[in-house]
Protein backbone atom coordinates (compact mmCIF):
# COMPACT_ATOMS: atom_id res chain seq x y z
CA UNK A 1 0.04 -0.01 0.09
CA UNK A 2 1.29 3.42 -1.03
CA UNK A 3 0.96 6.64 0.70
CA UNK A 4 1.71 9.76 -1.15
CA UNK A 5 1.89 13.48 -0.01
CA UNK A 6 3.32 16.14 -2.61
CA UNK A 7 3.02 19.93 -2.33
CA UNK A 8 1.14 21.80 -5.03
CA UNK A 9 0.09 18.61 -6.55
CA UNK A 10 -3.27 18.05 -8.76
CA UNK A 11 -5.36 15.34 -7.51
CA UNK A 12 -5.37 12.35 -8.38
CA UNK A 13 -1.66 11.99 -7.88
CA UNK A 14 0.43 9.95 -10.08
CA UNK A 15 1.53 7.13 -7.74
CA UNK A 16 4.82 6.82 -9.67
CA UNK A 17 5.15 10.04 -10.81
CA UNK A 18 8.16 12.44 -9.70
CA UNK A 19 7.79 15.75 -7.59
CA UNK A 20 9.92 18.33 -6.02
CA UNK A 21 8.51 18.48 -2.50
CA UNK A 22 6.71 15.70 -0.39
CA UNK A 23 7.17 12.27 0.55
CA UNK A 24 5.91 8.51 -0.35
CA UNK A 25 5.58 5.71 2.25
CA UNK A 26 4.90 1.95 1.44
CA UNK A 27 3.28 -0.50 3.52
CA UNK A 28 2.65 -4.23 3.64
CA UNK A 29 -1.10 -5.42 4.47
CA UNK A 30 -2.88 -8.68 4.81
CA UNK A 31 -6.18 -9.14 3.11
CA UNK A 32 -8.29 -11.62 4.93
CA UNK A 33 -10.78 -14.13 3.80
CA UNK A 34 -13.87 -12.84 5.12
CA UNK A 35 -15.25 -15.05 8.26
CA UNK A 36 -18.84 -15.89 8.86
CA UNK A 37 -20.68 -14.47 11.93
CA UNK A 38 -21.24 -17.22 14.55
CA UNK A 39 -23.26 -17.02 17.73
CA UNK A 40 -26.15 -14.71 18.78
CA UNK A 41 -25.23 -11.19 18.01
CA UNK A 42 -25.02 -9.15 21.32
CA UNK A 43 -25.12 -5.51 20.11
CA UNK A 44 -25.40 -4.11 23.61
CA UNK A 45 -26.72 -0.39 24.08
CA UNK A 46 -28.30 2.12 21.61
CA UNK A 47 -26.17 4.92 21.31
CA UNK A 48 -27.26 8.65 20.08
CA UNK A 49 -24.80 11.75 19.29
CA UNK A 50 -27.60 13.85 20.80
CA UNK A 51 -29.63 12.79 24.28
CA UNK A 52 -32.36 15.68 23.01
CA UNK A 53 -32.67 17.30 19.58
CA UNK A 54 -34.73 20.10 17.89
CA UNK A 55 -36.88 19.23 14.87
CA UNK A 56 -33.86 20.64 12.56
CA UNK A 57 -31.09 18.58 14.14
CA UNK A 58 -29.75 15.40 12.82
CA UNK A 59 -28.19 13.14 15.24
CA UNK A 60 -26.54 9.55 14.77
CA UNK A 61 -27.39 6.16 16.15
CA UNK A 62 -25.05 3.35 16.63
CA UNK A 63 -24.31 0.33 18.46
CA UNK A 64 -22.29 -0.45 21.71
CA UNK A 65 -20.68 -3.78 20.33
CA UNK A 66 -19.53 -4.83 16.64
CA UNK A 67 -20.89 -7.91 15.29
CA UNK A 68 -18.09 -9.26 13.38
CA UNK A 69 -18.13 -11.77 10.26
CA UNK A 70 -20.22 -11.94 7.26
CA UNK A 71 -24.11 -12.73 7.08
CA UNK A 72 -24.77 -9.98 9.64
CA UNK A 73 -28.01 -7.79 8.92
CA UNK A 74 -29.22 -5.00 10.88
CA UNK A 75 -32.74 -3.65 11.13
CA UNK A 76 -33.76 -0.28 12.97
CA UNK A 77 -37.00 0.01 14.46
CA UNK A 78 -38.66 3.22 16.29
CA UNK A 79 -41.17 3.14 18.88
CA UNK A 80 -43.56 6.29 20.34
CA UNK A 81 -43.72 4.25 23.88
CA UNK A 82 -40.86 2.01 24.03
CA UNK A 83 -42.97 -1.10 23.37
CA UNK A 84 -44.56 -1.03 19.84
CA UNK A 85 -42.19 -1.00 17.22
CA UNK A 86 -42.00 -0.02 13.34
CA UNK A 87 -39.19 -0.93 10.89
CA UNK A 88 -37.27 1.88 9.82
CA UNK A 89 -33.85 3.39 8.88
CA UNK A 90 -31.08 2.15 6.72
CA UNK A 91 -29.79 -1.81 6.57
CA UNK A 92 -26.63 -0.86 8.36
CA UNK A 93 -25.04 -0.49 12.03
CA UNK A 94 -25.58 3.26 12.10
CA UNK A 95 -28.21 5.66 11.33
CA UNK A 96 -28.47 9.41 11.13
CA UNK A 97 -31.50 10.89 11.34
CA UNK A 98 -34.10 13.60 12.53
CA UNK A 99 -37.31 13.44 14.57
CA UNK A 100 -40.42 15.91 15.36
CA UNK A 101 -41.40 14.14 18.40
CA UNK A 102 -39.62 12.11 21.40
CA UNK A 103 -39.11 8.66 19.89
CA UNK A 104 -37.57 5.28 20.97
CA UNK A 105 -34.78 3.48 19.00
CA UNK A 106 -33.46 0.16 19.10
CA UNK A 107 -31.55 -2.20 16.26
CA UNK A 108 -32.47 -5.92 15.69
CA UNK A 109 -28.84 -7.68 14.73
CA UNK A 110 -28.93 -10.79 13.05
CA UNK A 111 -26.46 -13.50 12.30
CA UNK A 112 -27.70 -15.82 9.65
CA UNK A 113 -28.14 -19.39 11.10
CA UNK A 114 -27.42 -17.99 14.54
CA UNK A 115 -30.49 -15.92 15.65
CA UNK A 116 -30.91 -12.60 16.49
CA UNK A 117 -30.88 -10.01 19.22
CA UNK A 118 -32.14 -6.40 19.77
CA UNK A 119 -29.69 -3.85 21.16
CA UNK A 120 -31.09 -2.12 24.58
CA UNK A 121 -33.53 0.76 23.34
CA UNK A 122 -32.41 4.50 23.83
CA UNK A 123 -34.99 7.45 23.70
CA UNK A 124 -33.89 10.49 22.27
CA UNK A 125 -36.05 13.54 23.30
CA UNK A 126 -37.23 16.84 22.16
CA UNK A 127 -35.62 20.30 23.36
CA UNK A 128 -38.17 22.58 24.24
CA UNK A 129 -38.80 25.07 21.45
CA UNK A 130 -37.43 28.06 23.17
CA UNK A 131 -33.85 26.12 22.68
CA UNK A 132 -34.33 25.35 19.12
CA UNK A 133 -35.16 29.21 17.93
CA UNK A 134 -32.47 30.13 15.40
CA UNK A 135 -30.16 32.96 16.42
CA UNK A 136 -30.06 35.24 13.17
CA UNK A 137 -26.68 36.44 12.42
CA UNK A 138 -25.02 39.24 10.34
CA UNK A 139 -21.49 39.67 8.87
CA UNK A 140 -21.52 43.47 9.94
CA UNK A 141 -24.80 43.96 11.80
CA UNK A 142 -25.88 47.31 12.81
CA UNK A 143 -22.34 49.10 12.84
CA UNK A 144 -23.30 51.06 9.59
CA UNK A 145 -26.73 52.22 10.73
CA UNK A 146 -28.63 49.38 9.19
CA UNK A 147 -30.86 48.89 12.53
CA UNK A 148 -34.43 48.86 13.90
CA UNK A 149 -34.81 51.41 16.37
CA UNK A 150 -38.43 51.13 17.30
CA UNK A 151 -41.32 48.52 16.81
CA UNK A 152 -44.95 49.16 17.66
CA UNK A 153 -48.33 47.30 17.20
CA UNK A 154 -51.11 49.79 17.29
CA UNK A 155 -53.70 49.09 19.46
CA UNK A 156 -51.78 46.52 21.50
CA UNK A 157 -48.98 47.23 24.73
CA UNK A 158 -45.82 46.48 22.33
CA UNK A 159 -43.96 49.55 22.03
CA UNK A 160 -40.50 49.47 22.35
CA UNK A 161 -37.91 52.04 21.43
CA UNK A 162 -34.36 50.48 21.20
CA UNK A 163 -32.71 53.62 20.02
CA UNK A 164 -30.37 54.31 17.06
CA UNK A 165 -26.90 53.28 18.77
CA UNK A 166 -24.53 51.35 16.60
CA UNK A 167 -22.38 50.48 19.41
CA UNK A 168 -21.73 48.05 20.53
CA UNK A 169 -22.63 46.12 17.44
CA UNK A 170 -25.49 43.60 18.62
CA UNK A 171 -27.59 42.68 15.75
CA UNK A 172 -29.93 40.46 17.82
CA UNK A 173 -32.05 40.75 20.94
CA UNK A 174 -34.74 38.87 22.54
CA UNK A 175 -37.02 41.36 24.14
CA UNK A 176 -38.94 39.89 27.18
CA UNK A 177 -40.20 40.50 30.77
CA UNK A 178 -41.45 43.74 30.09
CA UNK A 179 -45.36 44.98 29.43
CA UNK A 180 -44.10 47.13 26.43
CA UNK A 181 -42.03 44.08 25.10
CA UNK A 182 -45.16 41.75 24.64
CA UNK A 183 -48.84 42.24 22.70
CA UNK A 184 -52.02 40.11 22.83
CA UNK A 185 -53.33 39.21 19.22
CA UNK A 186 -56.76 37.65 18.69
CA UNK A 187 -56.50 35.06 15.99
CA UNK A 188 -57.76 35.73 12.39
CA UNK A 189 -57.40 39.59 13.07
CA UNK A 190 -55.30 42.02 11.29
CA UNK A 191 -53.34 44.36 13.20
CA UNK A 192 -51.04 47.40 12.30
CA UNK A 193 -47.27 47.16 12.99
CA UNK A 194 -44.69 50.18 12.50
CA UNK A 195 -40.96 50.03 12.36
CA UNK A 196 -38.64 52.38 12.30
CA UNK A 197 -35.11 52.09 11.16
CA UNK A 198 -31.75 53.97 11.64
CA UNK A 199 -29.61 56.20 9.66
CA UNK A 200 -29.10 53.92 6.98
CA UNK A 201 -31.69 53.53 4.04
CA UNK A 202 -33.04 50.57 1.85
CA UNK A 203 -33.88 48.63 4.78
CA UNK A 204 -36.20 45.87 4.33
CA UNK A 205 -38.41 43.88 7.26
CA UNK A 206 -40.22 40.65 7.55
CA UNK A 207 -42.01 39.49 10.45
CA UNK A 208 -42.87 35.72 11.68
CA UNK A 209 -44.77 34.37 14.30
CA UNK A 210 -44.06 30.69 15.78
CA UNK A 211 -47.96 29.61 15.87
CA UNK A 212 -47.11 26.06 16.22
CA UNK A 213 -44.23 26.18 18.81
CA UNK A 214 -41.90 24.08 16.84
CA UNK A 215 -39.00 26.84 17.28
CA UNK A 216 -39.06 27.25 13.76
CA UNK A 217 -40.19 30.28 11.91
CA UNK A 218 -41.88 28.53 8.62
CA UNK A 219 -42.01 30.45 5.34
CA UNK A 220 -44.64 31.50 4.36
CA UNK A 221 -47.16 29.72 6.69
CA UNK A 222 -45.67 31.78 9.66
CA UNK A 223 -44.89 34.72 8.30
CA UNK A 224 -47.48 37.50 9.11
CA UNK A 225 -46.22 40.50 7.18
CA UNK A 226 -43.33 42.09 5.39
CA UNK A 227 -42.66 45.54 3.82
CA UNK A 228 -39.85 47.32 1.90
CA UNK A 229 -37.77 49.06 1.01
CA UNK A 230 -37.70 52.01 3.52
CA UNK A 231 -35.65 54.47 1.86
CA UNK A 232 -35.64 57.25 4.33
CA UNK A 233 -33.28 57.85 7.35
CA UNK A 234 -34.84 57.17 10.55
CA UNK A 235 -37.99 56.57 8.76
CA UNK A 236 -40.74 54.40 9.64
CA UNK A 237 -43.30 51.75 7.51
CA UNK A 238 -46.57 50.81 8.86
CA UNK A 239 -47.85 47.53 7.19
CA UNK A 240 -50.55 45.02 8.20
CA UNK A 241 -49.91 41.86 10.38
CA UNK A 242 -52.57 38.89 9.17
CA UNK A 243 -53.14 36.23 11.60
CA UNK A 244 -54.67 32.96 10.51
CA UNK A 245 -57.72 31.65 12.26
CA UNK A 246 -57.12 28.68 13.92
CA UNK A 247 -53.45 28.63 15.70
CA UNK A 248 -53.65 27.37 19.28
CA UNK A 249 -53.76 30.05 22.04
CA UNK A 250 -50.94 30.88 23.93
CA UNK A 251 -47.70 32.63 24.29
CA UNK A 252 -45.91 32.74 21.04
CA UNK A 253 -42.50 34.09 19.47
CA UNK A 254 -42.56 36.73 17.21
CA UNK A 255 -39.41 37.53 15.26
CA UNK A 256 -38.81 41.02 13.20
CA UNK A 257 -36.11 40.93 11.02
CA UNK A 258 -34.42 43.75 9.07
CA UNK A 259 -32.16 43.46 6.09
CA UNK A 260 -30.40 45.73 3.81
CA UNK A 261 -30.98 45.64 0.15
CA UNK A 262 -32.99 42.18 0.30
CA UNK A 263 -36.17 42.04 -1.20
CA UNK A 264 -38.71 41.69 1.71
CA UNK A 265 -40.64 38.46 0.69
CA UNK A 266 -37.66 36.57 0.22
CA UNK A 267 -35.97 37.38 3.64
CA UNK A 268 -34.98 34.28 5.80
CA UNK A 269 -35.49 33.90 9.29
CA UNK A 270 -32.34 32.30 10.28
CA UNK A 271 -29.89 32.99 7.18
CA UNK A 272 -26.67 35.29 7.86
CA UNK A 273 -26.95 38.41 6.00
CA UNK A 274 -24.34 41.48 5.53
CA UNK A 275 -26.16 44.23 7.29
CA UNK A 276 -29.38 44.81 9.43
CA UNK A 277 -30.80 43.68 12.89
CA UNK A 278 -33.54 41.33 14.19
CA UNK A 279 -35.74 41.43 17.35
CA UNK A 280 -37.64 38.77 19.05
CA UNK A 281 -40.88 39.16 20.99
CA UNK A 282 -43.37 37.06 22.93
CA UNK A 283 -46.84 38.07 21.99
CA UNK A 284 -50.03 35.68 23.40
CA UNK A 285 -52.56 34.61 20.81
CA UNK A 286 -56.08 34.72 21.96
CA UNK A 287 -59.21 32.74 20.48
CA UNK A 288 -61.75 34.59 18.73
CA UNK A 289 -64.86 35.42 20.71
CA UNK A 290 -67.80 33.49 19.57
CA UNK A 291 -70.50 34.92 17.00
CA UNK A 292 -73.32 36.44 18.01
CA UNK A 293 -76.42 34.96 16.88
CA UNK A 294 -77.86 36.29 13.41
CA UNK A 295 -81.46 37.83 13.47
CA UNK A 296 -83.55 40.47 11.67
CA UNK A 297 -83.41 38.57 8.33
CA UNK A 298 -85.58 39.94 5.34
CA UNK A 299 -86.47 38.65 1.90
CA UNK A 300 -87.44 40.48 -0.81
CA UNK A 301 -87.32 40.15 -4.75
CA UNK A 302 -88.30 36.58 -4.37
CA UNK A 303 -88.86 34.40 -7.17
CA UNK A 304 -89.08 30.73 -7.83
CA UNK A 305 -85.43 30.19 -8.09
CA UNK A 306 -83.77 33.17 -6.14
CA UNK A 307 -84.46 35.87 -3.67
CA UNK A 308 -82.67 38.97 -2.26
CA UNK A 309 -81.81 38.22 1.50
CA UNK A 310 -80.96 40.80 3.94
CA UNK A 311 -80.09 41.25 7.80
CA UNK A 312 -80.23 44.17 9.58
CA UNK A 313 -77.73 44.45 12.46
CA UNK A 314 -75.89 47.73 13.32
CA UNK A 315 -72.91 47.75 15.81
CA UNK A 316 -71.76 51.16 17.00
CA UNK A 317 -71.48 53.40 13.73
CA UNK A 318 -70.69 50.23 11.53
CA UNK A 319 -72.29 47.38 10.07
CA UNK A 320 -69.88 44.94 8.24
CA UNK A 321 -70.86 41.83 6.17
CA UNK A 322 -68.19 39.79 4.70
CA UNK A 323 -68.69 36.25 3.05
CA UNK A 324 -66.35 33.25 3.51
CA UNK A 325 -64.35 31.94 6.49
CA UNK A 326 -61.81 33.92 8.78
CA UNK A 327 -60.03 36.29 6.65
CA UNK A 328 -61.71 36.36 3.29
CA UNK A 329 -62.68 39.29 1.50
CA UNK A 330 -66.01 40.91 0.95
CA UNK A 331 -68.29 40.16 -2.15
CA UNK A 332 -70.68 42.80 -2.18
CA UNK A 333 -70.73 46.27 -0.03
CA UNK A 334 -72.09 49.72 0.12
CA UNK A 335 -70.72 52.71 1.69
CA UNK A 336 -72.19 55.66 3.59
CA UNK A 337 -73.94 56.87 0.54
CA UNK A 338 -75.27 53.38 -0.33
CA UNK A 339 -72.78 53.32 -3.47
CA UNK A 340 -70.44 50.44 -4.25
CA UNK A 341 -67.75 50.50 -1.87
CA UNK A 342 -65.09 52.30 -3.75
CA UNK A 343 -62.77 52.92 -1.07
CA UNK A 344 -62.54 49.49 0.45
CA UNK A 345 -63.17 50.09 3.88
CA UNK A 346 -65.76 47.75 4.03
CA UNK A 347 -67.90 50.02 6.39
CA UNK A 348 -71.87 50.11 5.44
CA UNK A 349 -74.20 51.82 8.09
CA UNK A 350 -76.96 50.87 5.73
CA UNK A 351 -79.35 48.52 7.54
CA UNK A 352 -78.61 45.29 5.22
CA UNK A 353 -76.76 43.87 2.28
CA UNK A 354 -77.73 41.26 -0.23
CA UNK A 355 -74.90 38.27 -0.17
CA UNK A 356 -75.49 35.54 -2.08
CA UNK A 357 -78.52 33.61 -3.63
CA UNK A 358 -78.38 29.90 -5.14
CA UNK A 359 -80.49 29.19 -8.12
CA UNK A 360 -81.08 25.72 -7.10
CA UNK A 361 -83.65 26.49 -4.72
CA UNK A 362 -81.89 27.04 -1.49
CA UNK A 363 -80.37 30.20 -0.28
CA UNK A 364 -77.33 30.32 1.60
CA UNK A 365 -76.58 33.28 3.62
CA UNK A 366 -73.06 33.78 4.95
CA UNK A 367 -72.36 36.66 7.70
CA UNK A 368 -68.55 37.40 8.41
CA UNK A 369 -68.17 40.32 10.75
CA UNK A 370 -64.91 41.83 12.40
CA UNK A 371 -65.64 43.20 16.07
CA UNK A 372 -62.68 44.81 17.86
CA UNK A 373 -60.36 42.98 15.96
CA UNK A 374 -61.98 39.46 16.09
CA UNK A 375 -63.70 37.76 13.01
CA UNK A 376 -66.88 35.85 13.27
CA UNK A 377 -68.55 33.62 10.57
CA UNK A 378 -72.40 32.44 10.67
CA UNK A 379 -74.26 30.61 7.96
CA UNK A 380 -78.11 29.78 7.51
CA UNK A 381 -79.90 28.28 4.67
CA UNK A 382 -83.63 28.61 3.88
CA UNK A 383 -85.57 27.02 1.11
CA UNK A 384 -86.91 29.21 -1.47
CA UNK A 385 -90.90 29.44 -1.54
């Protein structure tokens, strides 16, 4: 066997070629004929490179004892409870994998003609979500004025003025523990966030909320808003944060990320960028309140196959009707003058609105209201007469 080292050589090296600088060493090795395995395997304990992981972490499983010889096969198995096992993994003595829930692992080792034996199982646990959230990095950070100086969500307690100082050059901060570092947000609601930047322009913003609490800001499903560029020094931008209808209530991590000269809807919550700053906050997601009961129905212009269906329901100084599930856009509307809604504010104090009629002999009425930031949906079907 020859081992060659050569300065400035181009792989693959010529084992017999000449060179100016380097060395060559030769060794004698014995190639043995494979020997069949014998006896019942004793794989010992199942080993893992990590005792607990995040969903994005890979880890390697192995066995305490080797089983020598030919005729050896390996079958990895997984279990949610340590008693019910399912075959999984590659047919080898090691397995590199990931997991999203705590899982038990073992490997059944078989020696042909001599039986099999399972390794002692190991459970790999899941880290808490707070330990799995990535820490975003920047090459240059905030040193040139590429920073977030203030974040506010209107109508909530979250208002954090972190200032415009560029030293020390800290480009990531998790703000927690004070009332102005948090907000309560109703599922399905739309809120307005204002982000103010530092002295350097062309800043772009993206916002995520970890709704499923898995420690990952998933894009696009957990990205709730983005905006850019902001091209005024120390300028501010307001844009909507739109929440889905059905996240589980509770405290979630929100990330506000600023990146210089990057299209806002392409910003990644974890990747390294050149200039910018990231701020994390905790927000509490609240369930929407229950819908009020529908009432005050009127039917007009009824024919054999269709009808105009109206509802009178006035809340304070506005009446809102929306068609569809939480977050969909209105289908029909009138403004204060009774004309079609040209300004898109969907505020109609007129006492009623035709929503939808179906030609197949049944009328489907859907009311979708927004009250105090909460969305509501109700349905009613009546036969046409």
